[in-house]
Amino acid sequence: MNGRNRINLQPGMTVDIVLKADQRSGKLTRGIVKDLLTKSATHPHGIKVRLTDGQVGRVQVIHTPEK
């Protein structure tokens, strides 16, 4: 799943985000969603979230739990 649709995200999910400082390189940071910061239903660059460790970035990849 991609991180462009707010409906796909909820607190507690594991995601890969791109931090503002890493936008040029595209380096991804993995973490667990604490808060959804983007209010609109979609965003072309990814929904902005805050991770449990306080980092803020736009979601690029949503990891689904293994079954």
Protein backbone atom coordinates (compact mmCIF):
# COMPACT_ATOMS: atom_id res chain seq x y z
CA MET A 1 0.00 0.00 0.00
CA ASN A 2 1.14 3.52 -0.60
CA GLY A 3 0.82 6.39 1.84
CA ARG A 4 -1.17 8.82 -0.31
CA ASN A 5 -4.61 7.96 1.12
CA ARG A 6 -5.37 8.92 4.72
CA ILE A 7 -7.95 6.13 5.04
CA ASN A 8 -5.16 3.51 4.73
CA LEU A 9 -3.34 4.84 7.82
CA GLN A 10 -3.97 4.63 11.54
CA PRO A 11 -1.86 5.00 14.69
CA GLY A 12 0.18 1.92 15.53
CA MET A 13 0.98 0.95 11.92
CA THR A 14 4.57 0.38 10.78
CA VAL A 15 5.50 2.67 7.89
CA ASP A 16 8.46 4.01 5.93
CA ILE A 17 8.55 7.81 5.75
CA VAL A 18 10.76 10.32 3.99
CA LEU A 19 11.96 13.09 6.30
CA LYS A 20 12.12 16.68 5.01
CA ALA A 21 15.94 16.57 5.16
CA ASP A 22 15.98 13.35 3.13
CA GLN A 23 13.59 14.39 0.34
CA ARG A 24 16.40 14.89 -2.20
CA SER A 25 18.07 11.54 -1.50
CA GLY A 26 14.83 9.63 -0.97
CA LYS A 27 16.22 7.89 2.14
CA LEU A 28 13.42 6.17 4.05
CA THR A 29 13.00 5.98 7.81
CA ARG A 30 10.96 3.15 9.37
CA GLY A 31 8.80 3.68 12.42
CA ILE A 32 5.41 3.36 14.05
CA VAL A 33 2.71 6.00 13.44
CA LYS A 34 1.74 8.07 16.47
CA ASP A 35 -0.29 10.91 14.85
CA LEU A 36 -1.70 11.70 11.42
CA LEU A 37 -0.85 15.33 10.63
CA THR A 38 -2.38 15.76 7.15
CA LYS A 39 -6.09 16.59 7.43
CA SER A 40 -7.06 16.06 3.76
CA ALA A 41 -8.13 12.61 2.50
CA THR A 42 -5.24 12.37 0.03
CA HIS A 43 -1.91 14.03 -0.69
CA PRO A 44 0.21 13.49 -3.84
CA HIS A 45 3.50 13.29 -1.88
CA GLY A 46 2.17 11.13 0.97
CA ILE A 47 0.26 11.73 4.18
CA LYS A 48 2.34 13.53 6.79
CA VAL A 49 2.67 11.63 10.08
CA ARG A 50 4.53 11.83 13.38
CA LEU A 51 6.27 8.64 14.48
CA THR A 52 6.40 7.42 18.08
CA ASP A 53 10.02 8.67 18.30
CA GLY A 54 8.91 12.20 17.30
CA GLN A 55 10.17 12.25 13.69
CA VAL A 56 7.83 13.82 11.12
CA GLY A 57 7.65 12.91 7.45
CA ARG A 58 5.49 11.77 4.55
CA VAL A 59 4.47 8.11 4.28
CA GLN A 60 5.94 6.29 1.29
CA VAL A 61 5.28 2.65 2.23
CA ILE A 62 2.79 1.02 4.61
CA HIS A 63 3.90 -2.35 6.01
CA THR A 64 1.15 -4.87 6.61
CA PRO A 65 1.58 -7.40 9.40
CA GLU A 66 2.67 -10.90 8.37
CA LYS A 67 0.02 -13.59 8.78
